[in-house]
Amino acid sequence: MEYIDIFDSNNNSMGKVKEKMQAHEDGNFHRTAHIWIINNKKELLLQKRSASKKSHPNCWDISAAGHIRSGESVMDGALRELKEELGVETKEEDLQYIVTIKNTKDPKNMEFQYVYLLNCNKAEREYIFVDNEVAEVKYVYYEELERMVQEGVEGLLIHEEEYQYLFNYIRTQQF
């Protein structure tokens, strides 16, 4: 069982801890980390979720993402998710903070999503899928991914608000 901290609608700790599935069932706010990997060619790494995932199996998604465990900082959770899902070990100072999104679209998944970008030039074959949550990865040039999002390509999980912040951030940065 995985336990997570519960927050109010303003992202303040309520001093409560719940099992992750129960927090979802109860519609409690909690925190997640979303980490996008970009290489020097401005290609973003997409992960294909494994067939065994409960939600959105076999869909292309964020490079690495996950829930922040009870008592864990958002940054520690982000670094843990990178290692668990992709075998990537990095440091806090390597992650570029983009935005925190209050996601209320699904009453069973009320999240504060902390979005980060990591510059990493590993080849696709160098990623290691440690926890069997990821089936494969691929790089997609960010403008191609933007087109895929606009067209609503089947099999791609769409995080509209997050993509807007991500693409705007990439356009203004040097890699």
Protein backbone atom coordinates (compact mmCIF):
# COMPACT_ATOMS: atom_id res chain seq x y z
CA MET A 1 0.00 0.00 0.00
CA GLU A 2 1.11 3.49 -0.80
CA TYR A 3 0.22 6.36 1.54
CA ILE A 4 -0.04 10.00 0.52
CA ASP A 5 -0.53 13.30 2.33
CA ILE A 6 -3.83 15.14 1.93
CA PHE A 7 -4.08 18.86 1.08
CA ASP A 8 -6.88 21.41 1.00
CA SER A 9 -7.99 23.19 -2.18
CA ASN A 10 -5.28 25.84 -1.62
CA ASN A 11 -2.47 23.25 -1.43
CA ASN A 12 -2.10 23.54 2.35
CA SER A 13 -1.39 20.37 4.31
CA MET A 14 -4.38 19.09 6.25
CA GLY A 15 -2.16 16.93 8.46
CA LYS A 16 -3.90 13.79 7.18
CA VAL A 17 -2.50 10.70 5.52
CA LYS A 18 -4.52 8.24 3.43
CA GLU A 19 -3.91 5.18 1.35
CA LYS A 20 -3.62 6.38 -2.26
CA MET A 21 -6.65 4.53 -3.60
CA GLN A 22 -8.81 5.76 -0.69
CA ALA A 23 -7.69 9.35 -1.27
CA HIS A 24 -8.75 9.02 -4.90
CA GLU A 25 -12.07 7.44 -3.93
CA ASP A 26 -12.72 10.26 -1.45
CA GLY A 27 -11.70 12.96 -3.95
CA ASN A 28 -8.93 14.35 -1.74
CA PHE A 29 -6.31 16.76 -3.04
CA HIS A 30 -2.80 15.32 -3.17
CA ARG A 31 0.49 16.08 -4.90
CA THR A 32 2.17 14.55 -7.93
CA ALA A 33 5.39 15.19 -9.82
CA HIS A 34 5.47 15.29 -13.63
CA ILE A 35 8.95 15.25 -15.14
CA TRP A 36 9.51 15.83 -18.83
CA ILE A 37 12.84 14.84 -20.33
CA ILE A 38 14.16 16.90 -23.23
CA ASN A 39 17.36 16.41 -25.19
CA ASN A 40 19.54 18.97 -26.96
CA LYS A 41 17.56 18.48 -30.19
CA LYS A 42 14.42 19.71 -28.36
CA GLU A 43 12.93 16.23 -28.49
CA LEU A 44 10.72 15.22 -25.56
CA LEU A 45 10.79 11.70 -24.20
CA LEU A 46 7.42 9.95 -24.11
CA GLN A 47 6.87 6.79 -22.11
CA LYS A 48 4.45 4.09 -23.16
CA ARG A 49 2.58 2.93 -20.08
CA SER A 50 2.73 -0.83 -19.58
CA ALA A 51 -0.23 -3.04 -20.43
CA SER A 52 -0.57 -3.90 -16.73
CA LYS A 53 -1.29 -0.30 -15.61
CA LYS A 54 -4.77 0.18 -14.11
CA SER A 55 -5.30 3.54 -15.79
CA HIS A 56 -4.50 4.23 -19.43
CA PRO A 57 -2.55 1.03 -20.26
CA ASN A 58 -0.50 1.14 -23.47
CA CYS A 59 -0.85 4.93 -23.83
CA TRP A 60 1.94 7.41 -24.46
CA ASP A 61 2.43 9.80 -21.57
CA ILE A 62 4.75 12.13 -19.62
CA SER A 63 8.40 11.00 -19.42
CA ALA A 64 8.02 10.14 -15.71
CA ALA A 65 5.30 10.95 -13.21
CA GLY A 66 3.88 9.77 -9.94
CA HIS A 67 2.35 10.47 -6.57
CA ILE A 68 4.32 12.09 -3.77
CA ARG A 69 4.43 9.70 -0.84
CA SER A 70 3.49 10.68 2.68
CA GLY A 71 6.31 12.63 4.34
CA GLU A 72 8.21 12.97 1.05
CA SER A 73 9.05 16.33 -0.51
CA VAL A 74 7.87 16.99 -4.06
CA MET A 75 11.48 17.12 -5.23
CA ASP A 76 12.37 13.82 -3.55
CA GLY A 77 9.30 12.27 -5.17
CA ALA A 78 10.29 13.61 -8.59
CA LEU A 79 13.81 12.21 -8.27
CA ARG A 80 12.43 8.86 -7.05
CA GLU A 81 9.99 8.59 -9.98
CA LEU A 82 12.76 9.25 -12.51
CA LYS A 83 14.84 6.46 -10.99
CA GLU A 84 11.94 4.00 -10.60
CA GLU A 85 10.40 4.47 -14.03
CA LEU A 86 13.42 5.20 -16.24
CA GLY A 87 16.55 4.38 -14.25
CA VAL A 88 17.59 8.05 -14.38
CA GLU A 89 19.60 9.34 -11.42
CA THR A 90 19.93 13.10 -11.24
CA LYS A 91 20.11 15.96 -8.76
CA GLU A 92 17.60 18.57 -7.66
CA GLU A 93 19.48 21.38 -9.39
CA ASP A 94 19.14 19.59 -12.75
CA LEU A 95 15.34 19.82 -12.69
CA GLN A 96 13.84 23.02 -14.08
CA TYR A 97 10.56 23.94 -12.40
CA ILE A 98 7.86 24.96 -14.88
CA VAL A 99 4.55 25.25 -13.01
CA THR A 100 2.19 23.77 -10.43
CA ILE A 101 -1.21 22.94 -11.87
CA LYS A 102 -4.33 22.49 -9.78
CA ASN A 103 -6.12 19.67 -11.59
CA THR A 104 -9.81 19.34 -10.72
CA LYS A 105 -11.08 17.77 -13.97
CA ASP A 106 -11.61 14.35 -12.39
CA PRO A 107 -13.30 14.35 -8.97
CA LYS A 108 -11.52 11.05 -8.20
CA ASN A 109 -8.10 12.52 -8.99
CA MET A 110 -7.76 15.98 -7.45
CA GLU A 111 -4.08 16.85 -7.80
CA PHE A 112 -1.51 19.56 -7.47
CA GLN A 113 0.81 18.62 -10.32
CA TYR A 114 4.36 19.92 -10.01
CA VAL A 115 5.79 20.03 -13.54
CA TYR A 116 9.54 19.88 -14.20
CA LEU A 117 11.86 19.62 -17.19
CA LEU A 118 15.13 17.67 -17.23
CA ASN A 119 17.71 18.02 -19.97
CA CYS A 120 19.06 14.53 -20.68
CA ASN A 121 20.75 13.24 -23.81
CA LYS A 122 20.53 9.50 -23.22
CA ALA A 123 19.60 7.36 -26.19
CA GLU A 124 16.21 5.63 -25.98
CA ARG A 125 17.93 2.24 -25.46
CA GLU A 126 19.80 3.59 -22.39
CA TYR A 127 16.67 4.03 -20.28
CA ILE A 128 16.06 1.24 -17.76
CA PHE A 129 12.48 0.37 -16.80
CA VAL A 130 13.00 -0.49 -13.16
CA ASP A 131 9.43 -0.91 -11.86
CA ASN A 132 7.68 -2.39 -14.93
CA GLU A 133 5.37 0.61 -15.26
CA VAL A 134 6.93 1.58 -18.60
CA ALA A 135 6.81 -0.59 -21.72
CA GLU A 136 8.99 1.58 -23.98
CA VAL A 137 10.09 5.15 -24.64
CA LYS A 138 10.54 7.33 -27.69
CA TYR A 139 11.71 10.85 -28.43
CA VAL A 140 9.40 13.21 -30.31
CA TYR A 141 10.39 16.69 -31.48
CA TYR A 142 8.42 19.11 -29.31
CA GLU A 143 6.69 20.79 -32.28
CA GLU A 144 5.61 17.35 -33.56
CA LEU A 145 4.23 16.53 -30.11
CA GLU A 146 2.42 19.87 -30.12
CA ARG A 147 0.80 18.89 -33.44
CA MET A 148 -0.14 15.47 -32.03
CA VAL A 149 -1.79 17.15 -29.03
CA GLN A 150 -3.74 19.56 -31.25
CA GLU A 151 -4.96 16.66 -33.39
CA GLY A 152 -5.81 14.52 -30.36
CA VAL A 153 -3.78 11.57 -31.63
CA GLU A 154 -5.21 8.29 -30.38
CA GLY A 155 -3.09 6.60 -27.73
CA LEU A 156 -1.56 9.87 -26.47
CA LEU A 157 -2.70 11.07 -23.05
CA ILE A 158 -3.63 14.72 -23.32
CA HIS A 159 -2.76 17.06 -20.46
CA GLU A 160 -3.93 20.27 -22.14
CA GLU A 161 -2.94 22.88 -19.59
CA GLU A 162 0.36 21.15 -18.85
CA TYR A 163 1.26 20.95 -22.54
CA GLN A 164 0.60 24.67 -22.98
CA TYR A 165 3.01 25.56 -20.16
CA LEU A 166 5.56 22.99 -21.36
CA PHE A 167 5.63 24.14 -24.99
CA ASN A 168 5.76 27.84 -24.01
CA TYR A 169 8.64 27.10 -21.62
CA ILE A 170 10.60 25.19 -24.28
CA ARG A 171 10.19 27.99 -26.83
CA THR A 172 11.79 30.47 -24.40
CA GLN A 173 14.74 28.33 -23.22
CA GLN A 174 18.13 27.41 -24.66
CA PHE A 175 19.12 23.75 -24.74
